[in-house]
């Protein structure tokens, strides 16, 4: 999606993979953030005098990138940066709204934990206020480049769009009237096998609400995103630009000139190409920059014996797996020369939801007063004006089911995590999970791998910690109110009358972008 207003192994193999990943992401992060290096010549007061431009980079399925200080030596690195969910859709909803996904209905009580189709009726509710809306009120121009929610059916679409939807329904009635049920089934199977439902209907490029390319060629997305980002940055200010990478989510598509660039196969090639995308953004000096991932790494995808995802390091779990660290602990790096102290490492618990109140604060906005905002303004922590995170408790959901709770005990270095439910594989509930009573308790300050569960026999304060966490859960649940579930089966199922189509449905294809980006 191009700019628009935002409405969200063997030991030797492991060692080689970690080195390659760290090498490339050191380049990615340092080059992304060093775009503001000239601003170091100005003082703190000068940097804070005017509203900064804001650029948010969010990778997909990246997870953490290691613990080497030089990754963020010219900025601030967060070592315990936590996603609100282990799947794309709920995590990005929390990022855009500063709220746990369960508050907006973006947490699933079934097995469908992400939006699957463009033509589904689920999505971020209209009454949710994204940070983009608040920054627009402060005079910012906002843009989204890259992947976003698959809900292309905003309630604020034009009258012409609704007319097209009604026409589509009438077309479908005519089509169905012309065929017997068996004929319809044969037609659908023939269409699916010949043209590919997923590719032609679900893989599209949009500019605002208009489809400009269908079928989208994934290998061309890098050049298209580069062109749009450079154009956006040159035209606007102050601006908020959200660059939502398609990488390193599978399928690991790569442009021809990056094939074979990395010793780590397709995954490494994708990282190399993401380097290019960040390097060429051409950011101006007065820029607050942030880099993170929406959740942990994708490990199960393989091409034969070759793994197509990243590596967990010391952490347990992966994308989609309950409250284990690898599914939710992600890189968090900030850079704002002259304002944020370089070479700073912060081990305090922070959340992707914190970006919401942080950027609203930087823009001079006011947070909504009619709802619970779970994120916290990070500026005092990033600037060193406080040494402690404002998060005492973080709640780790799997869908709409609470699996674990993290407690950052005040006036203590201990960070406790209690697992009440752990998945055997991916499910959040049912026979696919194990319930724990009492919960599995870990002290992450001593055991960040979730490797050594404590008990009343091995930990003197076990009962006290569990009691404190359970009181926090009760208080947290008092703040929850029932909302319509956006990921229900009805909402996620494909609806042909909502299908974005560039052409005459069901024959949807076009290329309005052309080849103008080939030389970028």
Protein backbone atom coordinates (compact mmCIF):
# COMPACT_ATOMS: atom_id res chain seq x y z
CA UNK A 1 0.00 0.00 0.00
CA UNK A 2 1.39 3.38 -1.02
CA UNK A 3 1.12 6.63 1.00
CA UNK A 4 -2.25 7.31 2.54
CA UNK A 5 -3.68 8.55 5.76
CA UNK A 6 -3.34 5.87 8.39
CA UNK A 7 -6.86 4.97 9.65
CA UNK A 8 -1.69 -0.46 12.65
CA UNK A 9 19.96 -26.57 13.96
CA UNK A 10 23.53 -27.56 14.23
CA UNK A 11 25.66 -25.23 16.34
CA UNK A 12 27.86 -24.25 13.38
CA UNK A 13 24.77 -23.30 11.37
CA UNK A 14 23.36 -21.25 14.23
CA UNK A 15 26.63 -19.43 14.73
CA UNK A 16 26.94 -18.63 11.01
CA UNK A 17 23.33 -17.50 10.81
CA UNK A 18 23.62 -15.21 13.81
CA UNK A 19 26.79 -13.59 12.44
CA UNK A 20 25.18 -12.97 9.06
CA UNK A 21 21.99 -11.61 10.61
CA UNK A 22 23.87 -9.30 12.96
CA UNK A 23 26.16 -8.09 10.18
CA UNK A 24 23.33 -7.11 7.87
CA UNK A 25 21.08 -5.62 10.50
CA UNK A 26 23.94 -3.60 11.92
CA UNK A 27 24.19 -2.03 8.47
CA UNK A 28 20.41 -1.68 8.23
CA UNK A 29 19.93 0.00 11.57
CA UNK A 30 23.03 2.19 11.54
CA UNK A 31 22.40 3.40 8.02
CA UNK A 32 18.73 3.98 8.77
CA UNK A 33 19.50 6.04 11.80
CA UNK A 34 22.71 7.73 10.64
CA UNK A 35 20.66 9.71 8.13
CA UNK A 36 20.23 12.24 10.93
CA UNK A 37 23.93 12.43 11.92
CA UNK A 38 24.43 16.08 10.91
CA UNK A 39 21.98 17.11 13.60
CA UNK A 40 24.59 16.31 16.26
CA UNK A 41 26.06 19.80 15.70
CA UNK A 42 22.95 21.39 17.20
CA UNK A 43 22.11 21.51 20.90
CA UNK A 44 19.28 19.84 22.74
CA UNK A 45 17.16 22.98 23.01
CA UNK A 46 17.48 23.72 19.29
CA UNK A 47 16.45 20.18 18.38
CA UNK A 48 13.36 20.38 20.56
CA UNK A 49 12.27 23.86 19.40
CA UNK A 50 10.19 22.67 16.45
CA UNK A 51 8.15 19.60 15.72
CA UNK A 52 10.36 16.80 14.38
CA UNK A 53 9.70 14.75 11.30
CA UNK A 54 8.92 11.18 12.38
CA UNK A 55 9.85 8.00 10.52
CA UNK A 56 8.75 4.61 11.83
CA UNK A 57 10.29 1.48 10.30
CA UNK A 58 8.48 -1.78 11.09
CA UNK A 59 9.86 -5.07 9.79
CA UNK A 60 7.71 -8.19 9.48
CA UNK A 61 8.55 -11.46 11.26
CA UNK A 62 12.03 -10.26 12.16
CA UNK A 63 12.17 -10.84 15.90
CA UNK A 64 15.28 -9.71 17.73
CA UNK A 65 18.67 -9.21 16.05
CA UNK A 66 21.06 -9.93 18.89
CA UNK A 67 22.65 -8.08 21.73
CA UNK A 68 25.66 -6.25 20.24
CA UNK A 69 25.91 -2.67 21.46
CA UNK A 70 27.27 -1.32 18.17
CA UNK A 71 23.90 -2.03 16.51
CA UNK A 72 22.66 1.18 18.12
CA UNK A 73 25.85 2.99 19.12
CA UNK A 74 24.54 6.25 17.69
CA UNK A 75 21.09 5.89 19.19
CA UNK A 76 19.15 4.16 21.94
CA UNK A 77 18.66 0.40 21.98
CA UNK A 78 15.89 -1.32 23.93
CA UNK A 79 16.78 -4.88 24.92
CA UNK A 80 13.35 -5.78 26.30
CA UNK A 81 11.03 -4.33 23.67
CA UNK A 82 7.80 -6.33 23.63
CA UNK A 83 5.10 -6.76 20.98
CA UNK A 84 1.49 -6.88 22.13
CA UNK A 85 0.84 -10.03 20.09
CA UNK A 86 2.70 -12.77 18.22
CA UNK A 87 0.80 -12.32 14.94
CA UNK A 88 0.80 -9.48 12.40
CA UNK A 89 -2.81 -8.30 12.57
CA UNK A 90 -3.25 -7.92 16.35
CA UNK A 91 0.30 -6.64 16.87
CA UNK A 92 -0.07 -3.90 14.26
CA UNK A 93 -3.50 -2.96 15.63
CA UNK A 94 -1.88 -2.42 19.03
CA UNK A 95 0.97 -0.45 17.45
CA UNK A 96 -1.42 1.94 15.67
CA UNK A 97 -3.78 2.45 18.62
CA UNK A 98 -1.54 2.12 21.69
CA UNK A 99 -4.01 -0.43 23.08
CA UNK A 100 -4.06 -4.17 23.65
CA UNK A 101 -5.74 -5.82 20.63
CA UNK A 102 -8.47 -7.25 22.83
CA UNK A 103 -9.75 -3.71 23.45
CA UNK A 104 -10.43 -3.09 19.75
CA UNK A 105 -11.76 -6.52 18.86
CA UNK A 106 -8.56 -7.38 16.97
CA UNK A 107 -7.85 -10.39 19.20
CA UNK A 108 -9.37 -13.68 18.06
CA UNK A 109 -11.24 -16.23 20.17
CA UNK A 110 -11.07 -18.75 17.32
CA UNK A 111 -8.21 -20.21 15.30
CA UNK A 112 -8.16 -17.35 12.79
CA UNK A 113 -5.73 -14.86 14.29
CA UNK A 114 -5.02 -12.67 11.26
CA UNK A 115 -6.93 -11.08 8.40
CA UNK A 116 -6.51 -13.37 5.40
CA UNK A 117 -8.28 -11.61 2.53
CA UNK A 118 -8.62 -8.12 1.15
CA UNK A 119 -12.32 -8.77 0.73
CA UNK A 120 -13.04 -9.57 4.35
CA UNK A 121 -15.31 -7.32 6.43
CA UNK A 122 -13.12 -7.35 9.56
CA UNK A 123 -10.57 -4.68 10.39
CA UNK A 124 -9.65 -1.88 12.74
CA UNK A 125 -12.97 -0.37 13.94
CA UNK A 126 -13.77 3.17 12.83
CA UNK A 127 -14.07 4.36 16.44
CA UNK A 128 -10.41 3.52 17.12
CA UNK A 129 -8.12 6.55 16.94
CA UNK A 130 -4.72 5.91 15.38
CA UNK A 131 -1.71 8.06 16.15
CA UNK A 132 -1.92 9.30 12.56
CA UNK A 133 -5.29 10.95 13.18
CA UNK A 134 -3.92 12.76 16.23
CA UNK A 135 -0.82 13.97 14.38
CA UNK A 136 -2.90 15.26 11.50
CA UNK A 137 -4.70 17.47 14.01
CA UNK A 138 -1.28 18.92 14.89
CA UNK A 139 -0.49 19.85 11.29
CA UNK A 140 1.40 16.70 10.29
CA UNK A 141 1.15 15.06 6.90
CA UNK A 142 0.98 11.31 7.45
CA UNK A 143 1.82 8.48 5.10
CA UNK A 144 1.92 4.71 5.04
CA UNK A 145 4.17 2.90 2.59
CA UNK A 146 4.26 -0.86 2.51
CA UNK A 147 2.10 -3.60 3.88
CA UNK A 148 -0.88 -2.82 6.07
CA UNK A 149 -4.12 -4.34 7.24
CA UNK A 150 -5.97 -6.30 4.61
CA UNK A 151 -9.20 -4.48 5.37
CA UNK A 152 -9.61 -2.43 2.19
CA UNK A 153 -13.24 -1.66 2.93
CA UNK A 154 -13.12 1.48 5.05
CA UNK A 155 -16.52 2.90 6.06
CA UNK A 156 -15.42 6.34 4.80
CA UNK A 157 -15.13 5.31 1.17
CA UNK A 158 -16.74 7.46 -1.47
CA UNK A 159 -20.31 7.16 -2.71
CA UNK A 160 -18.92 5.85 -6.01
CA UNK A 161 -17.23 3.02 -4.13
CA UNK A 162 -20.47 1.98 -2.47
CA UNK A 163 -22.18 2.16 -5.85
CA UNK A 164 -19.55 -0.21 -7.20
CA UNK A 165 -20.18 -2.60 -4.30
CA UNK A 166 -23.90 -2.62 -5.03
CA UNK A 167 -23.19 -3.14 -8.74
CA UNK A 168 -20.89 -6.03 -7.82
CA UNK A 169 -23.68 -7.65 -5.81
CA UNK A 170 -26.01 -7.29 -8.79
CA UNK A 171 -23.36 -8.81 -11.07
CA UNK A 172 -23.02 -11.76 -8.72
CA UNK A 173 -26.78 -12.28 -8.70
CA UNK A 174 -26.77 -12.29 -12.50
CA UNK A 175 -23.83 -14.69 -12.63
CA UNK A 176 -25.46 -17.08 -10.19
CA UNK A 177 -28.75 -16.86 -12.08
CA UNK A 178 -27.00 -17.90 -15.28
CA UNK A 179 -25.52 -21.10 -13.89
CA UNK A 180 -26.77 -24.11 -12.06
CA UNK A 181 -25.11 -24.77 -8.71
CA UNK A 182 -22.81 -27.34 -10.34
CA UNK A 183 -21.93 -24.95 -13.15
CA UNK A 184 -21.06 -22.26 -10.61
CA UNK A 185 -18.83 -24.67 -8.77
CA UNK A 186 -17.06 -25.73 -11.95
CA UNK A 187 -16.64 -22.08 -12.99
CA UNK A 188 -15.12 -21.20 -9.63
CA UNK A 189 -12.71 -24.15 -9.69
CA UNK A 190 -11.72 -23.31 -13.27
CA UNK A 191 -11.09 -19.66 -12.37
CA UNK A 192 -9.10 -20.60 -9.29
CA UNK A 193 -6.89 -23.09 -11.13
CA UNK A 194 -6.37 -20.84 -14.16
CA UNK A 195 -5.71 -17.46 -12.60
CA UNK A 196 -5.13 -18.03 -8.91
CA UNK A 197 -7.61 -16.62 -6.43
CA UNK A 198 -4.92 -15.65 -3.96
CA UNK A 199 -2.61 -13.98 -6.47
CA UNK A 200 -5.08 -11.98 -8.55
CA UNK A 201 -7.61 -11.07 -5.89
CA UNK A 202 -5.49 -10.80 -2.78
CA UNK A 203 -2.08 -9.61 -4.00
CA UNK A 204 -2.67 -6.01 -5.01
CA UNK A 205 -1.01 -2.60 -4.90
CA UNK A 206 -3.13 0.37 -3.82
CA UNK A 207 -2.61 4.11 -3.88
CA UNK A 208 -4.97 5.42 -1.22
CA UNK A 209 -8.21 3.56 -2.02
CA UNK A 210 -7.50 2.88 -5.69
CA UNK A 211 -6.01 -0.37 -6.97
CA UNK A 212 -3.08 0.49 -9.22
CA UNK A 213 -1.58 -2.94 -9.82
CA UNK A 214 -3.24 -6.33 -9.85
CA UNK A 215 -1.54 -8.86 -9.94
CA UNK A 216 1.27 -7.22 -7.97
CA UNK A 217 4.79 -8.38 -8.76
CA UNK A 218 6.37 -8.80 -5.35
CA UNK A 219 9.92 -8.47 -6.66
CA UNK A 220 9.16 -4.89 -7.74
CA UNK A 221 7.93 -3.67 -4.37
CA UNK A 222 11.37 -2.43 -3.28
CA UNK A 223 11.72 0.05 -6.11
CA UNK A 224 8.11 1.19 -5.80
CA UNK A 225 8.42 1.78 -2.06
CA UNK A 226 11.70 3.65 -2.56
CA UNK A 227 10.17 5.94 -5.14
CA UNK A 228 7.18 6.75 -2.95
CA UNK A 229 9.23 7.29 0.22
CA UNK A 230 11.67 9.69 -1.45
CA UNK A 231 8.81 11.60 -3.07
CA UNK A 232 6.89 11.84 0.20
CA UNK A 233 9.88 13.09 2.20
CA UNK A 234 10.70 15.77 -0.39
CA UNK A 235 7.15 17.10 -0.52
CA UNK A 236 6.02 17.31 3.08
CA UNK A 237 6.93 18.58 6.51
CA UNK A 238 6.38 18.16 9.30
CA UNK A 239 5.52 14.58 8.43
CA UNK A 240 5.01 11.17 9.93
CA UNK A 241 6.03 8.39 7.56
CA UNK A 242 5.29 4.79 8.52
CA UNK A 243 7.40 2.41 6.40
CA UNK A 244 5.92 -1.04 6.86
CA UNK A 245 8.30 -3.57 5.34
CA UNK A 246 7.06 -6.69 3.60
CA UNK A 247 10.32 -8.28 4.69
CA UNK A 248 11.26 -10.71 6.10
CA UNK A 249 7.88 -12.39 5.89
CA UNK A 250 7.54 -15.42 3.64
CA UNK A 251 7.48 -15.76 0.67
CA UNK A 252 11.04 -14.46 0.59
CA UNK A 253 10.82 -12.78 -2.81
CA UNK A 254 13.95 -10.96 -3.99
CA UNK A 255 14.81 -8.78 -6.97
CA UNK A 256 17.24 -10.28 -9.45
CA UNK A 257 20.26 -8.20 -8.43
CA UNK A 258 20.01 -9.37 -4.82
CA UNK A 259 19.77 -13.09 -5.53
CA UNK A 260 22.90 -14.74 -4.18
CA UNK A 261 24.10 -11.60 -2.38
CA UNK A 262 23.97 -13.27 1.02
CA UNK A 263 25.49 -16.52 2.27
CA UNK A 264 22.26 -17.08 4.20
CA UNK A 265 20.13 -17.76 1.15
CA UNK A 266 16.78 -16.09 0.55
CA UNK A 267 16.50 -14.80 4.11
CA UNK A 268 19.85 -13.04 3.85
CA UNK A 269 19.00 -11.70 0.39
CA UNK A 270 15.86 -10.14 1.86
CA UNK A 271 17.87 -8.49 4.61
CA UNK A 272 20.30 -7.08 2.03
CA UNK A 273 17.43 -5.63 0.04
CA UNK A 274 15.86 -4.11 3.13
CA UNK A 275 19.24 -2.42 3.75
CA UNK A 276 18.90 -0.71 0.38
CA UNK A 277 15.38 0.44 1.10
CA UNK A 278 16.44 2.06 4.36
CA UNK A 279 19.66 3.60 3.02
CA UNK A 280 17.92 5.36 0.14
CA UNK A 281 15.12 6.95 2.16
CA UNK A 282 16.95 10.30 2.06
CA UNK A 283 15.73 11.46 5.48
CA UNK A 284 16.24 15.05 6.57
CA UNK A 285 18.26 15.88 9.66
CA UNK A 286 15.54 16.88 12.12
CA UNK A 287 14.03 13.40 12.29
CA UNK A 288 12.91 11.11 15.09
CA UNK A 289 13.56 7.59 13.77
CA UNK A 290 12.36 4.24 15.12
CA UNK A 291 13.06 0.68 13.97
CA UNK A 292 11.31 -2.46 15.23
CA UNK A 293 9.55 -5.65 14.16
CA UNK A 294 5.90 -6.51 14.60
CA UNK A 295 6.68 -9.79 16.39
CA UNK A 296 9.08 -12.71 16.56
CA UNK A 297 10.64 -14.87 13.90
CA UNK A 298 8.93 -17.31 11.56
CA UNK A 299 10.74 -20.62 12.05
CA UNK A 300 8.58 -23.36 10.61
CA UNK A 301 8.79 -22.42 6.92
CA UNK A 302 11.40 -24.48 5.07
CA UNK A 303 12.54 -25.08 1.51
CA UNK A 304 13.65 -28.68 1.65
CA UNK A 305 16.24 -28.74 4.42
CA UNK A 306 16.82 -24.98 4.29
CA UNK A 307 15.12 -22.86 6.94
CA UNK A 308 13.45 -19.74 5.54
CA UNK A 309 13.28 -17.74 8.76
CA UNK A 310 15.61 -16.28 11.35
CA UNK A 311 17.09 -17.74 14.50
CA UNK A 312 15.85 -17.63 18.07
CA UNK A 313 19.16 -17.21 19.86
CA UNK A 314 18.69 -18.03 23.54
CA UNK A 315 14.94 -17.49 23.56
CA UNK A 316 12.14 -20.04 23.59
CA UNK A 317 9.20 -20.03 21.17
CA UNK A 318 8.61 -18.22 17.87
CA UNK A 319 5.97 -16.29 15.97
CA UNK A 320 2.48 -17.24 17.08
CA UNK A 321 3.54 -19.08 20.24
CA UNK A 322 1.81 -17.72 23.35
CA UNK A 323 3.86 -15.74 25.85
CA UNK A 324 7.30 -17.22 25.21
CA UNK A 325 9.95 -14.56 24.68
CA UNK A 326 10.84 -15.25 21.06
CA UNK A 327 7.30 -14.62 19.85
CA UNK A 328 7.07 -11.18 21.47
CA UNK A 329 10.59 -9.80 22.12
CA UNK A 330 11.64 -7.63 19.18
CA UNK A 331 14.37 -5.11 18.32
CA UNK A 332 13.72 -1.55 19.39
CA UNK A 333 16.08 1.21 18.24
CA UNK A 334 15.61 4.99 18.34
CA UNK A 335 17.67 7.82 16.91
CA UNK A 336 17.28 11.56 17.31
CA UNK A 337 20.68 13.31 17.32
CA UNK A 338 20.99 16.12 19.80
CA UNK A 339 18.01 14.90 21.80
CA UNK A 340 18.56 11.20 22.51
CA UNK A 341 21.97 10.27 24.00
CA UNK A 342 24.01 8.08 21.65
CA UNK A 343 25.22 4.66 22.70
CA UNK A 344 22.47 4.15 25.26
CA UNK A 345 21.21 0.66 26.12
CA UNK A 346 17.97 0.32 28.11
CA UNK A 347 17.03 -3.00 29.68
CA UNK A 348 13.66 -1.87 31.05
CA UNK A 349 10.46 -3.49 29.71
CA UNK A 350 8.90 -1.42 26.93
CA UNK A 351 6.18 -2.09 24.37
CA UNK A 352 5.38 -1.39 20.73
CA UNK A 353 2.25 0.25 22.13
CA UNK A 354 4.51 2.96 23.61
CA UNK A 355 5.10 4.47 20.16
CA UNK A 356 1.54 5.83 20.17
CA UNK A 357 1.83 8.16 23.19
CA UNK A 358 5.46 8.95 22.34
CA UNK A 359 4.81 10.36 18.86
CA UNK A 360 1.64 12.13 20.05
CA UNK A 361 3.75 13.82 22.73
CA UNK A 362 6.41 14.83 20.19
CA UNK A 363 3.74 16.38 17.96
CA UNK A 364 2.23 18.35 20.84
CA UNK A 365 -1.01 16.38 20.76
CA UNK A 366 -3.28 15.13 23.54
CA UNK A 367 -4.12 11.47 24.09
CA UNK A 368 -7.78 10.40 23.88
CA UNK A 369 -9.44 10.71 27.28
CA UNK A 370 -12.41 8.44 26.52
CA UNK A 371 -10.50 5.16 26.40
CA UNK A 372 -7.71 3.21 28.04
CA UNK A 373 -4.31 3.78 26.42
CA UNK A 374 -1.92 0.99 27.39
CA UNK A 375 1.25 2.53 25.91
CA UNK A 376 3.51 4.93 27.80
CA UNK A 377 5.46 7.96 26.60
CA UNK A 378 9.05 6.78 26.22
CA UNK A 379 10.78 10.16 25.98
CA UNK A 380 11.72 10.46 29.70
CA UNK A 381 13.25 6.97 29.55
CA UNK A 382 14.97 7.51 26.20
CA UNK A 383 16.47 10.84 27.31
CA UNK A 384 17.68 9.45 30.63
CA UNK A 385 15.39 11.67 32.73
CA UNK A 386 14.09 8.51 34.40
CA UNK A 387 15.72 5.12 34.82
CA UNK A 388 12.60 3.00 35.16
CA UNK A 389 9.89 1.97 32.74
CA UNK A 390 6.36 3.10 33.52
CA UNK A 391 5.17 -0.45 32.78
CA UNK A 392 4.79 -2.37 36.01
CA UNK A 393 2.77 -5.13 34.31
CA UNK A 394 2.58 -6.28 30.69
CA UNK A 395 -0.10 -8.79 29.68
CA UNK A 396 0.75 -11.36 27.02
CA UNK A 397 -2.29 -12.56 25.09
CA UNK A 398 -2.61 -15.32 22.55
CA UNK A 399 -5.64 -14.24 20.59
CA UNK A 400 -8.16 -13.20 23.25
CA UNK A 401 -6.72 -15.64 25.80
CA UNK A 402 -4.35 -14.37 28.47
CA UNK A 403 -1.34 -16.70 28.51
CA UNK A 404 1.29 -14.89 30.57
CA UNK A 405 1.97 -11.76 32.62
CA UNK A 406 5.23 -9.86 33.10
CA UNK A 407 5.80 -7.98 36.37
CA UNK A 408 8.56 -5.41 36.66
CA UNK A 409 8.81 -5.18 40.42
CA UNK A 410 9.31 -1.59 41.57
CA UNK A 411 12.59 -0.78 43.34
CA UNK A 412 13.92 -4.15 42.25
CA UNK A 413 15.87 -5.54 39.33
CA UNK A 414 13.64 -8.60 39.22
CA UNK A 415 11.35 -9.05 36.21
CA UNK A 416 8.95 -11.87 36.86
CA UNK A 417 6.89 -13.67 34.24
CA UNK A 418 4.10 -16.08 35.04
CA UNK A 419 2.80 -18.46 32.35
CA UNK A 420 -0.75 -19.61 33.01
CA UNK A 421 -1.13 -21.25 29.58
CA UNK A 422 1.54 -22.56 27.21
CA UNK A 423 0.82 -23.79 23.67
CA UNK A 424 2.03 -27.14 22.42
CA UNK A 425 2.31 -25.65 18.93
CA UNK A 426 0.20 -22.77 17.57
CA UNK A 427 -3.28 -22.93 19.14
CA UNK A 428 -4.24 -20.46 21.86
CA UNK A 429 -6.87 -22.68 23.49
CA UNK A 430 -8.36 -26.16 23.62
CA UNK A 431 -6.35 -29.35 23.41
CA UNK A 432 -3.43 -27.52 21.85
CA UNK A 433 -2.46 -25.80 25.10
CA UNK A 434 -1.40 -26.76 28.61
CA UNK A 435 -2.83 -24.94 31.63
CA UNK A 436 -0.63 -24.36 34.66
CA UNK A 437 -1.90 -24.00 38.23
CA UNK A 438 0.12 -22.65 39.90
CA UNK A 439 1.66 -20.82 36.93
CA UNK A 440 5.13 -21.42 35.56
CA UNK A 441 7.16 -18.62 37.11
CA UNK A 442 10.45 -17.26 35.76
CA UNK A 443 12.75 -14.43 36.82
CA UNK A 444 13.73 -12.96 33.45
CA UNK A 445 16.46 -10.85 35.04
CA UNK A 446 18.27 -14.11 35.83
CA UNK A 447 16.71 -16.45 33.27
CA UNK A 448 15.75 -14.56 30.07
CA UNK A 449 15.37 -17.87 28.20
CA UNK A 450 12.34 -19.03 30.22
CA UNK A 451 14.40 -22.15 30.88
CA UNK A 452 14.20 -22.71 34.66
CA UNK A 453 10.71 -22.51 36.17
CA UNK A 454 10.67 -21.59 39.83
CA UNK A 455 8.55 -23.09 42.57
CA UNK A 456 7.68 -22.43 46.18
CA UNK A 457 10.50 -24.80 47.12
CA UNK A 458 13.17 -22.99 45.08
CA UNK A 459 11.99 -19.38 45.33
CA UNK A 460 11.14 -17.92 48.78
CA UNK A 461 8.90 -15.17 47.34
CA UNK A 462 7.08 -17.47 44.91
CA UNK A 463 3.67 -17.20 46.58
CA UNK A 464 4.00 -13.44 47.07
CA UNK A 465 4.87 -12.87 43.42
CA UNK A 466 2.03 -15.04 42.14
CA UNK A 467 -0.47 -13.31 44.43
CA UNK A 468 0.67 -9.89 43.21
CA UNK A 469 0.38 -10.92 39.56
CA UNK A 470 -3.08 -12.39 40.07
CA UNK A 471 -4.27 -9.15 41.70
CA UNK A 472 -2.96 -7.26 38.67
CA UNK A 473 -4.87 -9.62 36.34
CA UNK A 474 -8.11 -8.92 38.21
CA UNK A 475 -7.57 -5.17 37.97
CA UNK A 476 -6.66 -5.43 34.28
CA UNK A 477 -9.81 -7.40 33.47
CA UNK A 478 -11.92 -4.71 35.10
CA UNK A 479 -10.74 -2.33 32.37
CA UNK A 480 -11.92 -4.58 29.52
CA UNK A 481 -15.28 -4.03 27.86
CA UNK A 482 -16.98 -6.31 25.32
CA UNK A 483 -16.49 -5.23 21.69
CA UNK A 484 -17.38 -6.84 18.36
CA UNK A 485 -14.79 -9.41 17.33
CA UNK A 486 -13.15 -8.34 14.08
CA UNK A 487 -11.57 -11.74 13.41
CA UNK A 488 -14.72 -13.82 13.60
CA UNK A 489 -15.28 -16.39 10.88
CA UNK A 490 -17.86 -14.14 9.23
CA UNK A 491 -15.54 -11.13 9.22
CA UNK A 492 -12.51 -12.89 7.80
CA UNK A 493 -14.26 -14.94 5.12
CA UNK A 494 -13.84 -13.72 1.54
CA UNK A 495 -16.80 -11.69 0.27
CA UNK A 496 -16.80 -11.19 -3.50
CA UNK A 497 -18.84 -7.97 -3.33
CA UNK A 498 -16.06 -6.39 -1.24
CA UNK A 499 -13.24 -7.53 -3.50
CA UNK A 500 -10.95 -4.70 -4.64
CA UNK A 501 -10.79 -5.08 -8.41
CA UNK A 502 -8.93 -3.22 -11.12
CA UNK A 503 -10.98 -4.26 -14.12
CA UNK A 504 -14.29 -6.04 -14.55
CA UNK A 505 -14.92 -8.52 -11.75
CA UNK A 506 -13.98 -11.36 -11.63
CA UNK A 507 -11.29 -10.58 -14.24
CA UNK A 508 -9.15 -8.26 -12.13
CA UNK A 509 -5.81 -7.14 -13.45
CA UNK A 510 -4.06 -3.89 -14.34
CA UNK A 511 -0.73 -2.06 -14.06
CA UNK A 512 -1.16 1.69 -13.55
CA UNK A 513 2.30 2.03 -11.97
CA UNK A 514 4.14 1.05 -15.15
CA UNK A 515 7.90 0.50 -15.18
CA UNK A 516 8.98 3.95 -14.02
CA UNK A 517 10.87 2.51 -11.07
CA UNK A 518 13.13 0.11 -12.85
CA UNK A 519 16.22 2.30 -12.55
CA UNK A 520 15.86 3.15 -8.85
